[in-house]
Amino acid sequence: NKKKTMDTNKNEKPEAEAETASTAAMAMKAKNLLFERRVLFLCTCLVGASCLIWCIAVNTNGWFTVAAPDQQVGIFINETQRYFLHSKSGLFRICRTAKRNATARAIQMCRSHEMFPSDEKLRTDPSLDLIIINYTRTEMFFSITSLLLMLMGFLFSIYTFRNPRYMFKRLAAGIHFLSCSSVMVVIEVV
């Protein structure tokens, strides 16, 4: 009977140590999972903010600005018979400020970019240049594509909170990489 009690005590010690080790391992896994979720939450918030900022940036008219060296006099443009002062252009619109003559008041004219003008209009309108139109088309395509990719990455990042499988995390990371690449293309074209 005494021997049986000793055998039971010997068996209980390794079981208790194994239980303590497995509890510690589970606590470490829970701690790592909590850290991963916090990092994922922070990155998801940053992606959401970047989507908002990119959406605002795409819709502004300040992508590039051209200004005459002397804002009082301007530069005489022979085709339009006006004095050019400055212009601001975005993806969708361009606003030009010009004067009819050196003493007239400056007038700002805004119009939407014409993405697909006819051949006749390209020949007759001096303000249209096919190379600039092609660059504008490229900027517009890649900026809208990058916005859609950002939104997809944002939604997949949110989805990984509900279904924390690594497959969805990898998918979200890949989409974030693609959106970053398309934003870099837009920046290089501008």
C-alpha atoms as a PDB file:
ATOM      1  CA  ASN A   1       0.000   0.000   0.000  1.00  0.00           C
ATOM      2  CA  LYS A   2       2.873   2.296   0.892  1.00  0.00           C
ATOM      3  CA  LYS A   3       4.623   1.470  -2.375  1.00  0.00           C
ATOM      4  CA  LYS A   4       1.456   2.233  -4.336  1.00  0.00           C
ATOM      5  CA  THR A   5       1.221   5.706  -2.737  1.00  0.00           C
ATOM      6  CA  MET A   6       4.857   6.456  -3.637  1.00  0.00           C
ATOM      7  CA  ASP A   7       4.251   5.428  -7.266  1.00  0.00           C
ATOM      8  CA  THR A   8       1.220   7.705  -7.427  1.00  0.00           C
ATOM      9  CA  ASN A   9       3.230  10.676  -6.067  1.00  0.00           C
ATOM     10  CA  LYS A  10       5.981  10.075  -8.640  1.00  0.00           C
ATOM     11  CA  ASN A  11       3.446  10.032 -11.490  1.00  0.00           C
ATOM     12  CA  GLU A  12       1.690  13.185 -10.234  1.00  0.00           C
ATOM     13  CA  LYS A  13       4.875  15.296 -10.307  1.00  0.00           C
ATOM     14  CA  PRO A  14       5.595  14.898 -14.046  1.00  0.00           C
ATOM     15  CA  GLU A  15       1.912  15.407 -14.849  1.00  0.00           C
ATOM     16  CA  ALA A  16       1.851  18.630 -12.813  1.00  0.00           C
ATOM     17  CA  GLU A  17       5.028  19.873 -14.498  1.00  0.00           C
ATOM     18  CA  ALA A  18       3.630  19.029 -17.941  1.00  0.00           C
ATOM     19  CA  GLU A  19       0.393  20.830 -17.082  1.00  0.00           C
ATOM     20  CA  THR A  20       2.323  23.900 -15.915  1.00  0.00           C
ATOM     21  CA  ALA A  21       4.438  23.864 -19.094  1.00  0.00           C
ATOM     22  CA  SER A  22       1.371  23.546 -21.319  1.00  0.00           C
ATOM     23  CA  THR A  23      -0.352  26.373 -19.410  1.00  0.00           C
ATOM     24  CA  ALA A  24       2.726  28.561 -19.900  1.00  0.00           C
ATOM     25  CA  ALA A  25       2.835  27.688 -23.609  1.00  0.00           C
ATOM     26  CA  MET A  26      -0.850  28.533 -23.976  1.00  0.00           C
ATOM     27  CA  ALA A  27      -0.322  31.831 -22.145  1.00  0.00           C
ATOM     28  CA  MET A  28       2.579  32.653 -24.481  1.00  0.00           C
ATOM     29  CA  LYS A  29       0.448  31.812 -27.554  1.00  0.00           C
ATOM     30  CA  ALA A  30      -2.374  33.993 -26.231  1.00  0.00           C
ATOM     31  CA  LYS A  31       0.086  36.828 -25.624  1.00  0.00           C
ATOM     32  CA  ASN A  32       1.493  36.494 -29.170  1.00  0.00           C
ATOM     33  CA  LEU A  33      -2.018  36.384 -30.639  1.00  0.00           C
ATOM     34  CA  LEU A  34      -2.984  39.529 -28.728  1.00  0.00           C
ATOM     35  CA  PHE A  35       0.164  41.288 -29.986  1.00  0.00           C
ATOM     36  CA  GLU A  36      -0.602  40.223 -33.595  1.00  0.00           C
ATOM     37  CA  ARG A  37      -4.171  41.497 -33.299  1.00  0.00           C
ATOM     38  CA  ARG A  38      -2.981  44.859 -31.958  1.00  0.00           C
ATOM     39  CA  VAL A  39      -0.472  45.260 -34.793  1.00  0.00           C
ATOM     40  CA  LEU A  40      -3.142  44.233 -37.314  1.00  0.00           C
ATOM     41  CA  PHE A  41      -5.587  46.739 -35.807  1.00  0.00           C
ATOM     42  CA  LEU A  42      -2.996  49.535 -36.010  1.00  0.00           C
ATOM     43  CA  CYS A  43      -2.148  48.678 -39.631  1.00  0.00           C
ATOM     44  CA  THR A  44      -5.844  48.469 -40.530  1.00  0.00           C
ATOM     45  CA  CYS A  45      -6.435  51.918 -39.040  1.00  0.00           C
ATOM     46  CA  LEU A  46      -3.470  53.301 -41.012  1.00  0.00           C
ATOM     47  CA  VAL A  47      -4.767  51.742 -44.235  1.00  0.00           C
ATOM     48  CA  GLY A  48      -8.204  53.266 -43.600  1.00  0.00           C
ATOM     49  CA  ALA A  49      -6.636  56.684 -43.035  1.00  0.00           C
ATOM     50  CA  SER A  50      -4.503  56.328 -46.169  1.00  0.00           C
ATOM     51  CA  CYS A  51      -7.628  55.440 -48.209  1.00  0.00           C
ATOM     52  CA  LEU A  52      -9.280  58.621 -47.001  1.00  0.00           C
ATOM     53  CA  ILE A  53      -6.204  60.764 -47.692  1.00  0.00           C
ATOM     54  CA  TRP A  54      -5.729  59.225 -51.153  1.00  0.00           C
ATOM     55  CA  CYS A  55      -9.403  59.792 -52.002  1.00  0.00           C
ATOM     56  CA  ILE A  56      -9.041  63.471 -51.061  1.00  0.00           C
ATOM     57  CA  ALA A  57      -5.763  63.780 -52.983  1.00  0.00           C
ATOM     58  CA  VAL A  58      -7.235  62.269 -56.149  1.00  0.00           C
ATOM     59  CA  ASN A  59     -10.043  64.834 -56.139  1.00  0.00           C
ATOM     60  CA  THR A  60      -7.919  67.962 -55.619  1.00  0.00           C
ATOM     61  CA  ASN A  61      -6.726  70.321 -58.345  1.00  0.00           C
ATOM     62  CA  GLY A  62      -3.237  70.713 -56.939  1.00  0.00           C
ATOM     63  CA  TRP A  63      -1.369  67.842 -58.558  1.00  0.00           C
ATOM     64  CA  PHE A  64       0.860  70.250 -60.409  1.00  0.00           C
ATOM     65  CA  THR A  65       1.043  73.995 -60.757  1.00  0.00           C
ATOM     66  CA  VAL A  66       2.551  76.053 -63.567  1.00  0.00           C
ATOM     67  CA  ALA A  67       3.175  79.762 -62.997  1.00  0.00           C
ATOM     68  CA  ALA A  68       4.579  82.613 -65.046  1.00  0.00           C
ATOM     69  CA  PRO A  69       7.790  84.124 -63.637  1.00  0.00           C
ATOM     70  CA  ASP A  70       6.173  87.559 -63.449  1.00  0.00           C
ATOM     71  CA  GLN A  71       2.651  87.253 -62.024  1.00  0.00           C
ATOM     72  CA  GLN A  72       1.772  90.887 -62.862  1.00  0.00           C
ATOM     73  CA  VAL A  73       2.495  90.704 -66.590  1.00  0.00           C
ATOM     74  CA  GLY A  74       2.318  86.982 -67.398  1.00  0.00           C
ATOM     75  CA  ILE A  75       3.466  85.180 -70.529  1.00  0.00           C
ATOM     76  CA  PHE A  76       1.875  86.002 -73.874  1.00  0.00           C
ATOM     77  CA  ILE A  77       0.494  82.869 -75.545  1.00  0.00           C
ATOM     78  CA  ASN A  78       0.196  83.343 -79.295  1.00  0.00           C
ATOM     79  CA  GLU A  79      -2.453  80.632 -79.934  1.00  0.00           C
ATOM     80  CA  THR A  80      -4.948  82.005 -77.399  1.00  0.00           C
ATOM     81  CA  GLN A  81      -3.972  85.689 -77.651  1.00  0.00           C
ATOM     82  CA  ARG A  82      -3.933  85.878 -73.829  1.00  0.00           C
ATOM     83  CA  TYR A  83      -1.394  86.517 -71.102  1.00  0.00           C
ATOM     84  CA  PHE A  84      -0.956  83.313 -69.096  1.00  0.00           C
ATOM     85  CA  LEU A  85      -0.470  83.837 -65.329  1.00  0.00           C
ATOM     86  CA  HIS A  86      -0.743  80.398 -63.717  1.00  0.00           C
ATOM     87  CA  SER A  87      -2.623  77.106 -63.800  1.00  0.00           C
ATOM     88  CA  LYS A  88      -3.411  74.270 -61.423  1.00  0.00           C
ATOM     89  CA  SER A  89      -4.218  70.828 -62.670  1.00  0.00           C
ATOM     90  CA  GLY A  90      -5.585  67.722 -61.029  1.00  0.00           C
ATOM     91  CA  LEU A  91      -6.669  64.394 -62.426  1.00  0.00           C
ATOM     92  CA  PHE A  92     -10.096  65.535 -63.517  1.00  0.00           C
ATOM     93  CA  ARG A  93      -9.882  69.334 -64.002  1.00  0.00           C
ATOM     94  CA  ILE A  94      -7.537  72.112 -64.937  1.00  0.00           C
ATOM     95  CA  CYS A  95      -7.927  75.758 -63.904  1.00  0.00           C
ATOM     96  CA  ARG A  96      -6.026  78.439 -65.818  1.00  0.00           C
ATOM     97  CA  THR A  97      -5.715  82.088 -64.883  1.00  0.00           C
ATOM     98  CA  ALA A  98      -5.078  84.467 -67.784  1.00  0.00           C
ATOM     99  CA  LYS A  99      -5.661  88.056 -68.951  1.00  0.00           C
ATOM    100  CA  ARG A 100      -6.865  89.295 -72.335  1.00  0.00           C
ATOM    101  CA  ASN A 101      -4.279  92.078 -72.345  1.00  0.00           C
ATOM    102  CA  ALA A 102      -1.665  93.449 -69.984  1.00  0.00           C
ATOM    103  CA  THR A 103      -4.074  95.897 -68.311  1.00  0.00           C
ATOM    104  CA  ALA A 104      -7.182  93.681 -68.053  1.00  0.00           C
ATOM    105  CA  ARG A 105      -8.352  91.879 -64.949  1.00  0.00           C
ATOM    106  CA  ALA A 106      -7.285  88.223 -64.572  1.00  0.00           C
ATOM    107  CA  ILE A 107      -9.919  85.598 -65.356  1.00  0.00           C
ATOM    108  CA  GLN A 108      -9.846  82.029 -64.092  1.00  0.00           C
ATOM    109  CA  MET A 109     -11.190  79.386 -66.476  1.00  0.00           C
ATOM    110  CA  CYS A 110     -11.754  75.832 -65.256  1.00  0.00           C
ATOM    111  CA  ARG A 111     -12.646  72.841 -67.374  1.00  0.00           C
ATOM    112  CA  SER A 112     -12.583  69.081 -67.152  1.00  0.00           C
ATOM    113  CA  HIS A 113      -9.805  67.179 -68.862  1.00  0.00           C
ATOM    114  CA  GLU A 114     -10.891  65.644 -72.119  1.00  0.00           C
ATOM    115  CA  MET A 115      -9.576  62.102 -71.926  1.00  0.00           C
ATOM    116  CA  PHE A 116     -10.629  60.860 -75.357  1.00  0.00           C
ATOM    117  CA  PRO A 117     -10.727  63.765 -77.832  1.00  0.00           C
ATOM    118  CA  SER A 118     -11.359  63.164 -81.518  1.00  0.00           C
ATOM    119  CA  ASP A 119      -8.539  63.452 -84.038  1.00  0.00           C
ATOM    120  CA  GLU A 120     -10.138  66.601 -85.408  1.00  0.00           C
ATOM    121  CA  LYS A 121     -10.177  68.225 -81.974  1.00  0.00           C
ATOM    122  CA  LEU A 122      -6.528  67.251 -81.400  1.00  0.00           C
ATOM    123  CA  ARG A 123      -5.549  69.024 -84.629  1.00  0.00           C
ATOM    124  CA  THR A 124      -7.595  72.176 -84.044  1.00  0.00           C
ATOM    125  CA  ASP A 125      -7.284  72.776 -80.280  1.00  0.00           C
ATOM    126  CA  PRO A 126      -3.794  74.057 -79.362  1.00  0.00           C
ATOM    127  CA  SER A 127      -4.330  73.349 -75.659  1.00  0.00           C
ATOM    128  CA  LEU A 128      -4.563  69.581 -76.250  1.00  0.00           C
ATOM    129  CA  ASP A 129      -1.369  67.567 -76.423  1.00  0.00           C
ATOM    130  CA  LEU A 130      -1.564  63.813 -76.982  1.00  0.00           C
ATOM    131  CA  ILE A 131       1.449  63.063 -74.776  1.00  0.00           C
ATOM    132  CA  ILE A 132      -0.006  64.973 -71.833  1.00  0.00           C
ATOM    133  CA  ILE A 133      -3.393  63.326 -72.407  1.00  0.00           C
ATOM    134  CA  ASN A 134      -1.727  59.898 -72.303  1.00  0.00           C
ATOM    135  CA  TYR A 135       0.042  60.783 -69.050  1.00  0.00           C
ATOM    136  CA  THR A 136      -3.236  62.020 -67.570  1.00  0.00           C
ATOM    137  CA  ARG A 137      -5.005  58.803 -68.580  1.00  0.00           C
ATOM    138  CA  THR A 138      -2.246  56.768 -66.941  1.00  0.00           C
ATOM    139  CA  GLU A 139      -2.423  58.834 -63.752  1.00  0.00           C
ATOM    140  CA  MET A 140      -6.184  58.498 -63.620  1.00  0.00           C
ATOM    141  CA  PHE A 141      -6.197  54.747 -64.256  1.00  0.00           C
ATOM    142  CA  PHE A 142      -3.530  53.922 -61.698  1.00  0.00           C
ATOM    143  CA  SER A 143      -4.897  56.284 -59.050  1.00  0.00           C
ATOM    144  CA  ILE A 144      -8.373  54.748 -59.285  1.00  0.00           C
ATOM    145  CA  THR A 145      -6.890  51.237 -59.378  1.00  0.00           C
ATOM    146  CA  SER A 146      -4.769  51.951 -56.312  1.00  0.00           C
ATOM    147  CA  LEU A 147      -7.813  53.344 -54.484  1.00  0.00           C
ATOM    148  CA  LEU A 148      -9.777  50.176 -55.261  1.00  0.00           C
ATOM    149  CA  LEU A 149      -6.847  48.012 -54.137  1.00  0.00           C
ATOM    150  CA  MET A 150      -6.552  50.027 -50.911  1.00  0.00           C
ATOM    151  CA  LEU A 151     -10.243  49.495 -50.223  1.00  0.00           C
ATOM    152  CA  MET A 152      -9.931  45.758 -50.921  1.00  0.00           C
ATOM    153  CA  GLY A 153      -6.919  45.495 -48.619  1.00  0.00           C
ATOM    154  CA  PHE A 154      -8.772  47.442 -45.936  1.00  0.00           C
ATOM    155  CA  LEU A 155     -11.801  45.142 -46.179  1.00  0.00           C
ATOM    156  CA  PHE A 156      -9.666  41.981 -46.096  1.00  0.00           C
ATOM    157  CA  SER A 157      -7.803  43.355 -43.074  1.00  0.00           C
ATOM    158  CA  ILE A 158     -11.126  43.886 -41.307  1.00  0.00           C
ATOM    159  CA  TYR A 159     -12.223  40.385 -42.339  1.00  0.00           C
ATOM    160  CA  THR A 160      -9.171  38.852 -40.670  1.00  0.00           C
ATOM    161  CA  PHE A 161     -10.512  40.029 -37.310  1.00  0.00           C
ATOM    162  CA  ARG A 162     -13.556  37.810 -37.793  1.00  0.00           C
ATOM    163  CA  ASN A 163     -11.653  34.912 -39.361  1.00  0.00           C
ATOM    164  CA  PRO A 164      -8.028  34.989 -38.129  1.00  0.00           C
ATOM    165  CA  ARG A 165      -6.571  32.533 -40.628  1.00  0.00           C
ATOM    166  CA  TYR A 166      -3.140  33.238 -42.039  1.00  0.00           C
ATOM    167  CA  MET A 167      -4.423  32.778 -45.589  1.00  0.00           C
ATOM    168  CA  PHE A 168      -6.530  35.958 -45.326  1.00  0.00           C
ATOM    169  CA  LYS A 169      -3.693  37.830 -43.637  1.00  0.00           C
ATOM    170  CA  ARG A 170      -1.380  36.902 -46.510  1.00  0.00           C
ATOM    171  CA  LEU A 171      -4.029  37.925 -49.027  1.00  0.00           C
ATOM    172  CA  ALA A 172      -4.441  41.317 -47.328  1.00  0.00           C
ATOM    173  CA  ALA A 173      -0.654  41.781 -47.238  1.00  0.00           C
ATOM    174  CA  GLY A 174      -0.386  40.963 -50.958  1.00  0.00           C
ATOM    175  CA  ILE A 175      -3.137  43.428 -51.809  1.00  0.00           C
ATOM    176  CA  HIS A 176      -1.422  46.107 -49.697  1.00  0.00           C
ATOM    177  CA  PHE A 177       1.783  45.472 -51.658  1.00  0.00           C
ATOM    178  CA  LEU A 178      -0.070  45.836 -54.986  1.00  0.00           C
ATOM    179  CA  SER A 179      -1.750  49.072 -53.893  1.00  0.00           C
ATOM    180  CA  CYS A 180       1.614  50.436 -52.783  1.00  0.00           C
ATOM    181  CA  SER A 181       3.083  49.561 -56.177  1.00  0.00           C
ATOM    182  CA  SER A 182       0.274  51.281 -58.068  1.00  0.00           C
ATOM    183  CA  VAL A 183       0.616  54.413 -55.904  1.00  0.00           C
ATOM    184  CA  MET A 184       4.327  54.451 -56.735  1.00  0.00           C
ATOM    185  CA  VAL A 185       3.447  54.311 -60.454  1.00  0.00           C
ATOM    186  CA  VAL A 186       1.147  57.323 -60.031  1.00  0.00           C
ATOM    187  CA  ILE A 187       3.865  59.242 -58.191  1.00  0.00           C
ATOM    188  CA  GLU A 188       6.424  58.430 -60.890  1.00  0.00           C
ATOM    189  CA  VAL A 189       4.096  59.485 -63.726  1.00  0.00           C
ATOM    190  CA  VAL A 190       3.305  62.817 -62.071  1.00  0.00           C
END
